Amino acid sequence: MTLPFLSVVIPCWNEARFVAAFLDSVFATTYPADRMEVLLVDGMSDDGTREIVRHYALRDPRLILVDNPGHSKPAALNLGIRQARGDVVVRLDVHAEYPPDYLESCVRGLVEHPRADNVGGIRISRARDDTLLGRAIALSTTSVFGAGNSKYRVGASGPQWVDTVFGGCYRKSVFDRIGLFDEQLTRAQDREFNHRLRASGGSILLLPEITCTYYARSDFREFCSWTFEAGYWPFRASRTVGRWIGSWRNVVPMGFVLALAAGAAAAPRSRTARRATAAVLATYGLTALTFAVRLARQHRDPGLVAALPPVFLATHVIYGAGSLKGALERT
C-alpha cells in the first residue's frame, strides 16, 4: 500500500533544550522519506532553537523552518496547515519524543479506519528532571485520580472513539470542511477544534498501540502555573466561542474547591459543616494515599507515597481555582 503524502506540523518557541532530541526522534521514522515533509513553525525563538533547526534542515531537506511572528500556538498550527502539501497532517509537540513507527502507525490508523477523521494514541509521561517531585508530577498526569478518565493519558485496552487525543493525525480535508484552529484561544485550541469536529459529525479514534513519551514539567512553580491555566481555559474558551467545549473532568475540581470553600466559611458557626468538611478531606486524603501507594509499588519508588498526595491536592485545588476564574471572569 502506498502511504499518502504526510505533512508534520510542529508549533515551537524557545525549545533549545528539547528540539534536537525531538527532531532526532522524528527523523528516525519508518515513514517513507519521499512521502513526507516536516514544517517546524517557530515563534521567532531567541534561545538558540532556530540555529539548531537550521542545522538539521541543512542535513535533511524534508525539514522546513516556517516563521511565526508571535508566540501564538493556534496561529503556528494554521500557518503550517496552510503551507502543508500532504493529504494527512500530523501535529507534534516538541516536549515529546516519538518511536520510529509513530507517524506510520497514525497514518495507517486513518487509512484502515475510514470513519476516523483524527487518530492518536497514548501519551506516556516522564519527568523532565529525574527528581522525586518531577516523577510524582509526571505520574499524577497519567493517574485516573489525578487526571480523570482522559484515555490518551490513562490508557485504554483497545481502540476507542474518544473526545480528544494528544497531538492528532488529521485528514487534510477536515480543515477544508470545518476550518482551522481558533486563533482567539491562547490555549484549549485542540479541545475546541476536536469539539467542533465531533459536532460536525466527525470522529476521533484512539489506538492504544500508538504511543509517545511526553516530558512533563518538573519545576513546582511551572507545574502550578500550567495547572491553573489548564483549569482556566476550558471555561474561558467556552465563553469565547459561545458553546461548552469541556467535559465533566473539567467541572469536578471546581466542585471540590467550592465544597471546601463553603465548608470553611460555614465551619465557625456549624458543627455539621465542620464534620462534613472533615469527612470530605479525610475521604480525599485516603483516596490520594491509596493511589500513591499503588503507583509507588508499580514503579518501585517508595518516595512517591509521600510525594504524590500533595501533588494530587495541588493539582485539584489549583485546577479548580483556575476553573472558577474562567467561569466567573468577565470578558
Protein backbone atom coordinates (compact mmCIF):
# COMPACT_ATOMS: atom_id res chain seq x y z
CA MET A 1 0.00 0.00 0.00
CA THR A 2 1.31 3.44 -0.96
CA LEU A 3 1.04 5.70 2.03
CA PRO A 4 -0.39 9.22 1.49
CA PHE A 5 1.89 12.23 1.48
CA LEU A 6 2.27 13.41 5.07
CA SER A 7 2.80 16.90 6.47
CA VAL A 8 4.16 17.04 10.02
CA VAL A 9 3.31 20.39 11.65
CA ILE A 10 5.20 21.45 14.79
CA PRO A 11 4.47 24.66 16.72
CA CYS A 12 7.63 25.78 18.52
CA TRP A 13 9.06 28.64 20.56
CA ASN A 14 12.27 28.70 22.65
CA GLU A 15 12.77 24.94 22.79
CA ALA A 16 16.58 24.74 22.56
CA ARG A 17 16.67 22.26 25.45
CA PHE A 18 14.41 19.74 23.71
CA VAL A 19 14.35 20.37 19.96
CA ALA A 20 17.41 18.31 18.97
CA ALA A 21 16.26 15.12 20.71
CA PHE A 22 12.78 15.74 19.36
CA LEU A 23 13.97 16.10 15.76
CA ASP A 24 16.17 13.02 16.12
CA SER A 25 13.06 11.03 17.07
CA VAL A 26 11.08 12.49 14.15
CA PHE A 27 13.72 11.70 11.52
CA ALA A 28 14.23 8.17 12.85
CA THR A 29 10.75 7.47 11.48
CA THR A 30 9.83 4.43 9.41
CA TYR A 31 7.63 6.65 7.25
CA PRO A 32 8.91 6.77 3.64
CA ALA A 33 11.25 9.73 3.29
CA ASP A 34 9.83 10.70 -0.10
CA ARG A 35 6.28 10.78 1.26
CA MET A 36 6.64 13.39 3.99
CA GLU A 37 7.61 16.94 4.90
CA VAL A 38 8.28 18.45 8.33
CA LEU A 39 7.11 22.02 8.94
CA LEU A 40 8.53 23.47 12.16
CA VAL A 41 6.66 26.73 12.78
CA ASP A 42 8.77 28.84 15.11
CA GLY A 43 7.65 31.91 17.05
CA MET A 44 10.98 33.70 16.37
CA SER A 45 12.84 31.89 19.17
CA ASP A 46 15.79 33.74 20.72
CA ASP A 47 17.35 30.91 22.77
CA GLY A 48 19.25 29.10 20.01
CA THR A 49 16.32 26.99 18.79
CA ARG A 50 16.40 28.42 15.29
CA GLU A 51 20.12 27.74 14.87
CA ILE A 52 19.59 24.10 15.88
CA VAL A 53 16.68 23.74 13.47
CA ARG A 54 18.65 25.32 10.60
CA HIS A 55 21.47 22.86 11.25
CA TYR A 56 19.06 19.95 10.94
CA ALA A 57 17.45 21.47 7.84
CA LEU A 58 20.84 21.60 6.09
CA ARG A 59 21.17 17.85 6.63
CA ASP A 60 17.59 16.92 5.74
CA PRO A 61 15.60 18.84 3.10
CA ARG A 62 12.34 17.45 4.48
CA LEU A 63 12.62 19.97 7.33
CA ILE A 64 11.25 23.44 6.61
CA LEU A 65 11.52 26.30 9.10
CA VAL A 66 8.39 28.47 8.97
CA ASP A 67 8.35 31.85 10.71
CA ASN A 68 5.52 32.64 13.12
CA PRO A 69 5.91 36.31 14.09
CA GLY A 70 4.40 35.82 17.52
CA HIS A 71 4.09 33.06 20.09
CA SER A 72 0.52 32.03 19.29
CA LYS A 73 0.21 28.24 19.05
CA PRO A 74 -3.04 28.21 17.03
CA ALA A 75 -1.52 30.73 14.61
CA ALA A 76 1.51 28.44 14.27
CA LEU A 77 -0.69 25.44 13.57
CA ASN A 78 -2.67 27.36 10.97
CA LEU A 79 0.46 28.63 9.23
CA GLY A 80 1.73 25.07 8.99
CA ILE A 81 -1.58 23.66 7.77
CA ARG A 82 -1.94 26.34 5.10
CA GLN A 83 1.55 25.54 3.80
CA ALA A 84 1.14 21.77 4.11
CA ARG A 85 1.22 19.76 0.88
CA GLY A 86 0.12 16.49 2.43
CA ASP A 87 -3.20 14.67 2.31
CA VAL A 88 -2.66 13.95 6.01
CA VAL A 89 -1.49 16.39 8.72
CA VAL A 90 0.12 15.22 11.96
CA ARG A 91 0.59 17.72 14.78
CA LEU A 92 3.61 17.02 17.04
CA ASP A 93 4.80 18.59 20.30
CA VAL A 94 8.47 19.44 20.88
CA HIS A 95 8.22 18.33 24.53
CA ALA A 96 7.75 14.75 23.37
CA GLU A 97 9.73 12.01 21.72
CA TYR A 98 8.21 9.60 19.24
CA PRO A 99 9.09 5.98 18.42
CA PRO A 100 10.12 5.23 14.83
CA ASP A 101 6.73 3.77 13.90
CA TYR A 102 4.67 6.61 15.37
CA LEU A 103 3.92 8.50 12.15
CA GLU A 104 3.33 5.36 10.12
CA SER A 105 1.01 3.92 12.78
CA CYS A 106 -1.04 7.13 12.91
CA VAL A 107 -1.44 7.33 9.14
CA ARG A 108 -2.23 3.62 8.80
CA GLY A 109 -4.85 4.14 11.50
CA LEU A 110 -6.55 6.72 9.31
CA VAL A 111 -6.27 4.55 6.22
CA GLU A 112 -7.61 1.42 7.94
CA HIS A 113 -10.46 3.26 9.71
CA PRO A 114 -12.27 5.33 7.05
CA ARG A 115 -14.72 6.66 9.65
CA ALA A 116 -11.90 8.35 11.60
CA ASP A 117 -11.03 11.99 10.89
CA ASN A 118 -8.39 12.21 13.64
CA VAL A 119 -6.25 9.40 15.06
CA GLY A 120 -3.99 9.43 18.10
CA GLY A 121 -2.61 7.20 20.82
CA ILE A 122 -1.39 7.05 24.40
CA ARG A 123 0.83 9.75 25.87
CA ILE A 124 3.36 8.32 28.33
CA SER A 125 4.58 10.97 30.79
CA ARG A 126 8.16 11.22 32.02
CA ALA A 127 9.75 13.81 34.26
CA ARG A 128 11.86 16.49 32.61
CA ASP A 129 14.11 16.33 35.69
CA ASP A 130 14.55 12.99 37.44
CA THR A 131 13.68 14.18 40.94
CA LEU A 132 11.10 12.77 43.32
CA LEU A 133 8.86 15.78 42.73
CA GLY A 134 9.34 15.53 38.96
CA ARG A 135 8.43 11.84 38.96
CA ALA A 136 5.37 12.50 41.13
CA ILE A 137 4.14 15.26 38.84
CA ALA A 138 4.62 13.11 35.73
CA LEU A 139 2.78 10.13 37.24
CA SER A 140 -0.05 12.31 38.53
CA THR A 141 -0.86 13.29 34.94
CA THR A 142 -1.41 9.64 33.96
CA SER A 143 -3.41 8.60 37.03
CA VAL A 144 -7.20 8.34 36.93
CA PHE A 145 -7.29 10.14 40.28
CA GLY A 146 -5.02 12.93 39.10
CA ALA A 147 -6.17 13.36 35.51
CA GLY A 148 -9.69 11.92 35.23
CA ASN A 149 -10.62 9.40 32.56
CA SER A 150 -8.97 11.00 29.53
CA LYS A 151 -7.92 7.89 27.63
CA TYR A 152 -4.83 9.32 25.98
CA ARG A 153 -3.49 9.97 29.49
CA VAL A 154 -4.59 6.92 31.47
CA GLY A 155 -4.57 4.31 28.70
CA ALA A 156 -7.07 2.00 27.06
CA SER A 157 -7.30 -1.73 26.45
CA GLY A 158 -8.30 -1.39 22.80
CA PRO A 159 -9.35 1.06 20.07
CA GLN A 160 -11.88 3.62 21.31
CA TRP A 161 -13.82 6.54 19.90
CA VAL A 162 -12.93 9.47 22.16
CA ASP A 163 -13.45 13.20 22.57
CA THR A 164 -9.79 14.15 22.12
CA VAL A 165 -6.28 12.77 21.65
CA PHE A 166 -2.77 14.13 22.21
CA GLY A 167 -1.48 15.90 19.11
CA GLY A 168 -3.56 14.25 16.45
CA CYS A 169 -3.29 12.89 12.93
CA TYR A 170 -5.92 14.53 10.70
CA ARG A 171 -7.16 14.10 7.18
CA LYS A 172 -6.29 17.38 5.46
CA SER A 173 -9.87 17.53 4.14
CA VAL A 174 -11.09 18.08 7.72
CA PHE A 175 -9.62 21.59 7.72
CA ASP A 176 -11.27 22.38 4.39
CA ARG A 177 -14.58 21.18 5.82
CA ILE A 178 -14.72 22.83 9.26
CA GLY A 179 -11.97 25.44 9.21
CA LEU A 180 -8.69 25.87 11.07
CA PHE A 181 -7.76 26.30 14.73
CA ASP A 182 -9.35 29.27 16.52
CA GLU A 183 -6.66 31.93 16.90
CA GLN A 184 -8.62 33.70 19.66
CA LEU A 185 -7.60 30.91 22.03
CA THR A 186 -4.18 31.05 23.67
CA ARG A 187 -4.84 27.55 24.97
CA ALA A 188 -7.54 24.88 24.51
CA GLN A 189 -7.42 25.29 20.72
CA ASP A 190 -7.08 21.50 20.28
CA ARG A 191 -10.05 20.91 22.55
CA GLU A 192 -12.17 23.46 20.69
CA PHE A 193 -11.20 22.08 17.29
CA ASN A 194 -11.94 18.48 18.25
CA HIS A 195 -15.28 19.54 19.75
CA ARG A 196 -16.12 21.32 16.50
CA LEU A 197 -15.02 18.26 14.55
CA ARG A 198 -17.29 15.93 16.51
CA ALA A 199 -20.18 18.43 16.34
CA SER A 200 -19.88 18.36 12.54
CA GLY A 201 -20.23 14.56 12.50
CA GLY A 202 -16.51 13.74 12.57
CA SER A 203 -14.91 11.04 14.70
CA ILE A 204 -11.72 10.77 16.75
CA LEU A 205 -10.09 7.37 17.22
CA LEU A 206 -7.62 6.39 19.93
CA LEU A 207 -5.39 3.41 19.11
CA PRO A 208 -3.51 2.31 22.26
CA GLU A 209 -0.68 0.66 20.32
CA ILE A 210 0.36 4.18 19.24
CA THR A 211 2.47 5.77 21.98
CA CYS A 212 4.77 8.72 22.53
CA THR A 213 6.72 10.00 25.51
CA TYR A 214 5.90 13.45 26.87
CA TYR A 215 8.21 15.27 29.27
CA ALA A 216 6.07 16.82 32.00
CA ARG A 217 7.06 19.94 33.92
CA SER A 218 9.20 19.12 36.96
CA ASP A 219 9.50 22.58 38.48
CA PHE A 220 6.70 23.04 41.03
CA ARG A 221 6.09 26.69 40.20
CA GLU A 222 5.86 25.93 36.47
CA PHE A 223 3.59 22.99 37.22
CA CYS A 224 1.25 25.15 39.33
CA SER A 225 1.08 27.86 36.66
CA TRP A 226 0.39 25.28 33.94
CA THR A 227 -2.29 23.58 36.08
CA PHE A 228 -4.06 26.88 36.78
CA GLU A 229 -4.12 27.68 33.06
CA ALA A 230 -5.36 24.15 32.28
CA GLY A 231 -8.31 24.72 34.61
CA TYR A 232 -8.97 28.25 33.38
CA TRP A 233 -9.00 27.77 29.62
CA PRO A 234 -11.84 25.27 29.07
CA PHE A 235 -14.22 27.78 30.68
CA ARG A 236 -12.64 30.88 29.13
CA ALA A 237 -12.54 29.23 25.70
CA SER A 238 -16.17 28.11 26.03
CA ARG A 239 -17.25 31.70 26.66
CA THR A 240 -15.10 32.95 23.79
CA VAL A 241 -16.59 30.56 21.22
CA GLY A 242 -20.12 30.65 22.67
CA ARG A 243 -20.51 26.95 23.47
CA TRP A 244 -19.37 24.49 26.13
CA ILE A 245 -16.31 22.60 24.89
CA GLY A 246 -15.33 20.89 28.14
CA SER A 247 -16.38 17.69 29.88
CA TRP A 248 -17.22 16.56 33.40
CA ARG A 249 -13.46 16.18 34.01
CA ASN A 250 -13.20 19.97 33.95
CA VAL A 251 -16.03 20.52 36.43
CA VAL A 252 -15.10 18.09 39.24
CA PRO A 253 -12.06 20.02 40.62
CA MET A 254 -14.13 23.22 40.70
CA GLY A 255 -16.83 21.40 42.67
CA PHE A 256 -14.18 20.15 45.09
CA VAL A 257 -12.82 23.68 45.65
CA LEU A 258 -16.33 25.10 46.10
CA ALA A 259 -17.20 22.39 48.62
CA LEU A 260 -14.07 23.11 50.64
CA ALA A 261 -14.65 26.86 50.50
CA ALA A 262 -18.28 26.52 51.57
CA GLY A 263 -17.30 24.18 54.39
CA ALA A 264 -14.58 26.51 55.63
CA ALA A 265 -16.94 29.50 55.55
CA ALA A 266 -19.66 27.68 57.50
CA ALA A 267 -17.40 25.78 59.89
CA PRO A 268 -17.07 28.50 62.59
CA ARG A 269 -20.87 28.50 63.06
CA SER A 270 -21.85 24.93 62.24
CA ARG A 271 -20.74 21.63 63.72
CA THR A 272 -22.37 19.84 60.79
CA ALA A 273 -20.28 21.88 58.33
CA ARG A 274 -17.11 21.09 60.28
CA ARG A 275 -17.89 17.38 60.28
CA ALA A 276 -18.84 17.34 56.61
CA THR A 277 -15.69 19.22 55.60
CA ALA A 278 -13.54 16.93 57.73
CA ALA A 279 -15.21 13.90 56.13
CA VAL A 280 -14.55 15.25 52.62
CA LEU A 281 -10.90 15.89 53.45
CA ALA A 282 -10.46 12.51 55.13
CA THR A 283 -12.02 10.70 52.18
CA TYR A 284 -9.90 12.68 49.76
CA GLY A 285 -6.72 12.03 51.76
CA LEU A 286 -7.39 8.30 52.00
CA THR A 287 -8.11 8.07 48.26
CA ALA A 288 -4.99 10.07 47.38
CA LEU A 289 -2.87 7.87 49.64
CA THR A 290 -4.34 4.69 48.13
CA PHE A 291 -3.43 5.79 44.61
CA ALA A 292 0.01 6.92 45.81
CA VAL A 293 0.75 3.53 47.38
CA ARG A 294 -0.44 1.74 44.26
CA LEU A 295 1.77 3.85 41.98
CA ALA A 296 4.75 3.60 44.33
CA ARG A 297 4.52 -0.20 44.23
CA GLN A 298 4.00 -0.28 40.48
CA HIS A 299 7.07 1.88 39.84
CA ARG A 300 9.13 0.60 42.79
CA ASP A 301 9.60 4.14 44.04
CA PRO A 302 8.72 4.33 47.79
CA GLY A 303 9.15 8.09 47.94
CA LEU A 304 6.02 8.51 45.84
CA VAL A 305 3.90 7.52 48.86
CA ALA A 306 4.84 10.86 50.42
CA ALA A 307 5.20 12.96 47.25
CA LEU A 308 2.05 12.08 45.32
CA PRO A 309 -0.73 13.08 47.79
CA PRO A 310 0.37 16.75 47.98
CA VAL A 311 0.81 16.80 44.19
CA PHE A 312 -2.71 15.42 43.76
CA LEU A 313 -4.08 18.04 46.18
CA ALA A 314 -2.21 20.88 44.48
CA THR A 315 -3.46 19.69 41.09
CA HIS A 316 -7.11 19.60 42.10
CA VAL A 317 -7.14 22.82 44.15
CA ILE A 318 -5.17 24.88 41.63
CA TYR A 319 -7.05 23.47 38.65
CA GLY A 320 -10.36 24.13 40.43
CA ALA A 321 -9.30 27.70 41.25
CA GLY A 322 -8.40 28.27 37.61
CA SER A 323 -11.80 26.89 36.57
CA LEU A 324 -13.56 29.26 38.96
CA LYS A 325 -11.72 32.21 37.50
CA GLY A 326 -12.51 31.06 33.97
CA ALA A 327 -16.19 30.59 34.82
CA LEU A 328 -16.67 33.87 36.69
CA GLU A 329 -14.30 36.26 34.96
CA ARG A 330 -15.92 38.92 32.81
CA THR A 331 -14.63 39.24 29.27
